[in-house]
C-alpha atoms as a PDB file:
ATOM      1  CA  UNK A   1      15.494  50.825  40.748  1.00  0.00           C
ATOM      2  CA  UNK A   2      19.136  49.580  40.841  1.00  0.00           C
ATOM      3  CA  UNK A   3      18.531  47.852  37.505  1.00  0.00           C
ATOM      4  CA  UNK A   4      17.558  51.168  35.890  1.00  0.00           C
ATOM      5  CA  UNK A   5      20.741  52.866  37.154  1.00  0.00           C
ATOM      6  CA  UNK A   6      22.836  49.988  35.819  1.00  0.00           C
ATOM      7  CA  UNK A   7      21.247  50.328  32.382  1.00  0.00           C
ATOM      8  CA  UNK A   8      21.691  54.123  32.401  1.00  0.00           C
ATOM      9  CA  UNK A   9      25.360  53.752  33.408  1.00  0.00           C
ATOM     10  CA  UNK A  10      25.963  51.143  30.683  1.00  0.00           C
ATOM     11  CA  UNK A  11      24.358  53.367  28.025  1.00  0.00           C
ATOM     12  CA  UNK A  12      26.413  56.363  29.196  1.00  0.00           C
ATOM     13  CA  UNK A  13      29.592  54.282  29.037  1.00  0.00           C
ATOM     14  CA  UNK A  14      28.814  53.130  25.497  1.00  0.00           C
ATOM     15  CA  UNK A  15      28.090  56.716  24.404  1.00  0.00           C
ATOM     16  CA  UNK A  16      31.406  57.902  25.855  1.00  0.00           C
ATOM     17  CA  UNK A  17      33.248  55.093  24.089  1.00  0.00           C
ATOM     18  CA  UNK A  18      31.591  55.889  20.758  1.00  0.00           C
ATOM     19  CA  UNK A  19      32.353  59.604  21.183  1.00  0.00           C
ATOM     20  CA  UNK A  20      36.024  58.926  21.945  1.00  0.00           C
ATOM     21  CA  UNK A  21      36.357  56.651  18.896  1.00  0.00           C
ATOM     22  CA  UNK A  22      34.755  59.315  16.672  1.00  0.00           C
ATOM     23  CA  UNK A  23      37.111  62.005  18.000  1.00  0.00           C
ATOM     24  CA  UNK A  24      40.139  59.747  17.465  1.00  0.00           C
ATOM     25  CA  UNK A  25      39.083  58.880  13.908  1.00  0.00           C
ATOM     26  CA  UNK A  26      38.272  62.447  12.913  1.00  0.00           C
ATOM     27  CA  UNK A  27      41.461  63.964  14.319  1.00  0.00           C
ATOM     28  CA  UNK A  28      43.404  65.304  11.356  1.00  0.00           C
ATOM     29  CA  UNK A  29      47.108  64.972  10.844  1.00  0.00           C
ATOM     30  CA  UNK A  30      48.867  68.282  11.415  1.00  0.00           C
ATOM     31  CA  UNK A  31      51.711  68.720   8.899  1.00  0.00           C
ATOM     32  CA  UNK A  32      55.021  69.990  10.234  1.00  0.00           C
ATOM     33  CA  UNK A  33      56.860  72.863   8.598  1.00  0.00           C
ATOM     34  CA  UNK A  34      58.836  71.670   5.567  1.00  0.00           C
ATOM     35  CA  UNK A  35      62.574  71.469   6.082  1.00  0.00           C
ATOM     36  CA  UNK A  36      62.374  70.448   9.739  1.00  0.00           C
ATOM     37  CA  UNK A  37      63.470  67.120  11.237  1.00  0.00           C
ATOM     38  CA  UNK A  38      59.884  66.555  12.446  1.00  0.00           C
ATOM     39  CA  UNK A  39      58.622  66.934   8.862  1.00  0.00           C
ATOM     40  CA  UNK A  40      61.254  64.426   7.685  1.00  0.00           C
ATOM     41  CA  UNK A  41      59.988  61.859  10.217  1.00  0.00           C
ATOM     42  CA  UNK A  42      56.384  62.558   9.216  1.00  0.00           C
ATOM     43  CA  UNK A  43      57.240  62.252   5.499  1.00  0.00           C
ATOM     44  CA  UNK A  44      59.108  59.002   6.118  1.00  0.00           C
ATOM     45  CA  UNK A  45      56.277  57.406   8.109  1.00  0.00           C
ATOM     46  CA  UNK A  46      53.701  58.491   5.523  1.00  0.00           C
ATOM     47  CA  UNK A  47      55.841  57.080   2.687  1.00  0.00           C
ATOM     48  CA  UNK A  48      56.240  53.720   4.438  1.00  0.00           C
ATOM     49  CA  UNK A  49      52.521  53.577   5.243  1.00  0.00           C
ATOM     50  CA  UNK A  50      51.635  54.263   1.601  1.00  0.00           C
ATOM     51  CA  UNK A  51      54.232  51.799   0.230  1.00  0.00           C
ATOM     52  CA  UNK A  52      56.222  54.620  -1.398  1.00  0.00           C
ATOM     53  CA  UNK A  53      59.466  52.754  -0.860  1.00  0.00           C
ATOM     54  CA  UNK A  54      61.714  54.923  -3.049  1.00  0.00           C
ATOM     55  CA  UNK A  55      60.598  58.057  -1.178  1.00  0.00           C
ATOM     56  CA  UNK A  56      61.229  56.428   2.198  1.00  0.00           C
ATOM     57  CA  UNK A  57      64.578  55.033   1.037  1.00  0.00           C
ATOM     58  CA  UNK A  58      65.610  58.474  -0.231  1.00  0.00           C
ATOM     59  CA  UNK A  59      65.288  59.845   3.313  1.00  0.00           C
ATOM     60  CA  UNK A  60      68.055  57.525   4.568  1.00  0.00           C
ATOM     61  CA  UNK A  61      71.595  58.882   4.824  1.00  0.00           C
ATOM     62  CA  UNK A  62      74.088  58.075   2.087  1.00  0.00           C
ATOM     63  CA  UNK A  63      75.880  55.724   4.523  1.00  0.00           C
ATOM     64  CA  UNK A  64      72.721  53.708   5.154  1.00  0.00           C
ATOM     65  CA  UNK A  65      71.920  53.581   1.430  1.00  0.00           C
ATOM     66  CA  UNK A  66      75.470  52.289   0.760  1.00  0.00           C
ATOM     67  CA  UNK A  67      74.986  49.620   3.418  1.00  0.00           C
ATOM     68  CA  UNK A  68      71.674  48.337   2.019  1.00  0.00           C
ATOM     69  CA  UNK A  69      69.833  48.614  -1.271  1.00  0.00           C
ATOM     70  CA  UNK A  70      66.144  49.563  -1.347  1.00  0.00           C
ATOM     71  CA  UNK A  71      65.339  45.969  -2.286  1.00  0.00           C
ATOM     72  CA  UNK A  72      67.163  44.640   0.765  1.00  0.00           C
ATOM     73  CA  UNK A  73      65.440  47.078   3.118  1.00  0.00           C
ATOM     74  CA  UNK A  74      61.905  46.550   1.821  1.00  0.00           C
ATOM     75  CA  UNK A  75      61.980  42.867   0.860  1.00  0.00           C
ATOM     76  CA  UNK A  76      61.187  41.376   4.264  1.00  0.00           C
ATOM     77  CA  UNK A  77      58.393  38.828   4.233  1.00  0.00           C
ATOM     78  CA  UNK A  78      55.878  40.990   6.084  1.00  0.00           C
ATOM     79  CA  UNK A  79      54.338  44.273   5.046  1.00  0.00           C
ATOM     80  CA  UNK A  80      54.957  47.541   6.824  1.00  0.00           C
ATOM     81  CA  UNK A  81      51.442  48.859   6.378  1.00  0.00           C
ATOM     82  CA  UNK A  82      50.053  46.797   9.289  1.00  0.00           C
ATOM     83  CA  UNK A  83      52.402  48.716  11.612  1.00  0.00           C
ATOM     84  CA  UNK A  84      50.101  51.717  11.218  1.00  0.00           C
ATOM     85  CA  UNK A  85      46.700  50.020  11.600  1.00  0.00           C
ATOM     86  CA  UNK A  86      44.912  51.211  14.721  1.00  0.00           C
ATOM     87  CA  UNK A  87      47.914  53.380  15.664  1.00  0.00           C
ATOM     88  CA  UNK A  88      48.344  57.037  16.436  1.00  0.00           C
ATOM     89  CA  UNK A  89      51.783  58.602  16.265  1.00  0.00           C
ATOM     90  CA  UNK A  90      52.402  61.864  18.088  1.00  0.00           C
ATOM     91  CA  UNK A  91      55.474  64.037  18.510  1.00  0.00           C
ATOM     92  CA  UNK A  92      56.929  63.932  22.017  1.00  0.00           C
ATOM     93  CA  UNK A  93      60.096  66.016  21.698  1.00  0.00           C
ATOM     94  CA  UNK A  94      62.994  67.084  19.527  1.00  0.00           C
ATOM     95  CA  UNK A  95      66.487  67.451  20.951  1.00  0.00           C
ATOM     96  CA  UNK A  96      70.094  67.867  19.864  1.00  0.00           C
ATOM     97  CA  UNK A  97      72.711  65.296  20.859  1.00  0.00           C
ATOM     98  CA  UNK A  98      76.196  65.590  19.468  1.00  0.00           C
ATOM     99  CA  UNK A  99      75.823  66.308  15.775  1.00  0.00           C
ATOM    100  CA  UNK A 100      72.425  64.637  15.478  1.00  0.00           C
ATOM    101  CA  UNK A 101      68.865  65.739  16.021  1.00  0.00           C
ATOM    102  CA  UNK A 102      66.699  63.238  17.868  1.00  0.00           C
ATOM    103  CA  UNK A 103      62.969  63.244  17.175  1.00  0.00           C
ATOM    104  CA  UNK A 104      60.977  61.228  19.694  1.00  0.00           C
ATOM    105  CA  UNK A 105      57.443  60.098  18.911  1.00  0.00           C
ATOM    106  CA  UNK A 106      54.891  58.087  20.852  1.00  0.00           C
ATOM    107  CA  UNK A 107      53.297  55.203  18.962  1.00  0.00           C
ATOM    108  CA  UNK A 108      49.967  54.354  20.577  1.00  0.00           C
ATOM    109  CA  UNK A 109      48.112  51.214  19.527  1.00  0.00           C
ATOM    110  CA  UNK A 110      44.392  50.873  20.213  1.00  0.00           C
ATOM    111  CA  UNK A 111      42.503  47.603  20.486  1.00  0.00           C
ATOM    112  CA  UNK A 112      38.873  47.008  21.207  1.00  0.00           C
ATOM    113  CA  UNK A 113      38.167  44.570  24.016  1.00  0.00           C
ATOM    114  CA  UNK A 114      34.544  43.637  23.470  1.00  0.00           C
ATOM    115  CA  UNK A 115      31.536  45.928  23.444  1.00  0.00           C
ATOM    116  CA  UNK A 116      32.371  47.918  26.585  1.00  0.00           C
ATOM    117  CA  UNK A 117      36.066  48.438  26.549  1.00  0.00           C
ATOM    118  CA  UNK A 118      39.220  49.172  24.704  1.00  0.00           C
ATOM    119  CA  UNK A 119      42.874  49.145  25.549  1.00  0.00           C
ATOM    120  CA  UNK A 120      45.847  51.238  24.572  1.00  0.00           C
ATOM    121  CA  UNK A 121      49.489  50.294  24.480  1.00  0.00           C
ATOM    122  CA  UNK A 122      52.190  52.764  23.603  1.00  0.00           C
ATOM    123  CA  UNK A 123      55.927  53.013  23.239  1.00  0.00           C
ATOM    124  CA  UNK A 124      58.417  55.755  22.480  1.00  0.00           C
ATOM    125  CA  UNK A 125      60.366  55.616  19.251  1.00  0.00           C
ATOM    126  CA  UNK A 126      63.415  57.803  18.663  1.00  0.00           C
ATOM    127  CA  UNK A 127      64.753  58.822  15.250  1.00  0.00           C
ATOM    128  CA  UNK A 128      68.291  60.152  14.710  1.00  0.00           C
ATOM    129  CA  UNK A 129      68.691  62.602  11.837  1.00  0.00           C
ATOM    130  CA  UNK A 130      71.379  64.905  10.409  1.00  0.00           C
ATOM    131  CA  UNK A 131      71.308  67.480   7.685  1.00  0.00           C
ATOM    132  CA  UNK A 132      73.095  66.513   4.477  1.00  0.00           C
ATOM    133  CA  UNK A 133      72.995  68.661   1.364  1.00  0.00           C
ATOM    134  CA  UNK A 134      70.229  70.782   2.880  1.00  0.00           C
ATOM    135  CA  UNK A 135      67.954  67.805   3.654  1.00  0.00           C
ATOM    136  CA  UNK A 136      67.252  65.909   6.855  1.00  0.00           C
ATOM    137  CA  UNK A 137      68.419  62.293   6.571  1.00  0.00           C
ATOM    138  CA  UNK A 138      68.097  59.351   8.956  1.00  0.00           C
ATOM    139  CA  UNK A 139      71.469  58.210  10.301  1.00  0.00           C
ATOM    140  CA  UNK A 140      70.082  55.008  11.872  1.00  0.00           C
ATOM    141  CA  UNK A 141      67.572  52.630  10.329  1.00  0.00           C
ATOM    142  CA  UNK A 142      64.236  54.077  11.422  1.00  0.00           C
ATOM    143  CA  UNK A 143      61.264  52.131  12.765  1.00  0.00           C
ATOM    144  CA  UNK A 144      59.537  50.205  11.269  1.00  0.00           C
ATOM    145  CA  UNK A 145      62.442  49.318   8.979  1.00  0.00           C
ATOM    146  CA  UNK A 146      65.155  46.840   9.780  1.00  0.00           C
ATOM    147  CA  UNK A 147      68.737  46.829   8.602  1.00  0.00           C
ATOM    148  CA  UNK A 148      68.840  45.152   5.212  1.00  0.00           C
ATOM    149  CA  UNK A 149      65.578  43.336   5.840  1.00  0.00           C
ATOM    150  CA  UNK A 150      66.776  41.637   9.018  1.00  0.00           C
ATOM    151  CA  UNK A 151      65.102  42.298  12.371  1.00  0.00           C
ATOM    152  CA  UNK A 152      67.241  44.020  14.990  1.00  0.00           C
ATOM    153  CA  UNK A 153      68.236  41.583  17.675  1.00  0.00           C
ATOM    154  CA  UNK A 154      68.229  42.576  21.306  1.00  0.00           C
ATOM    155  CA  UNK A 155      71.724  42.629  22.762  1.00  0.00           C
ATOM    156  CA  UNK A 156      72.602  39.722  24.980  1.00  0.00           C
ATOM    157  CA  UNK A 157      72.923  40.555  28.668  1.00  0.00           C
ATOM    158  CA  UNK A 158      76.539  40.720  29.943  1.00  0.00           C
END
């Protein structure tokens, strides 16, 4: 009898896993209202994911564009598209700090761990934007980009 309950529990677990994967895959992206900092972040991430480099580059502030050309920013040896595989990005919050608007998103990465499990890792990513000429522009190099094609180095401990 214990064997039957084990089989029933395993089948139920598999069905729950399949249902959660289907829900995650079918969840549609909700567009943000145009002209908002959240929409700028969404447009940027979509442009990078779809290799629309000029569109993504155009969302950087004039200062960042003066610092690095589009070729320098997008010529790193790895592609950006893999950054979005098996990921879900959700808005956490928007806040004002000084003259900038900070948009915080959660990047959740899903991995399957065999037939009966999966794991999720997530991190928060913050974007700093300001309005310039009526458009929201990034004032710091936004993830997953690096300054002029070079990875950001962690500061050395004091």
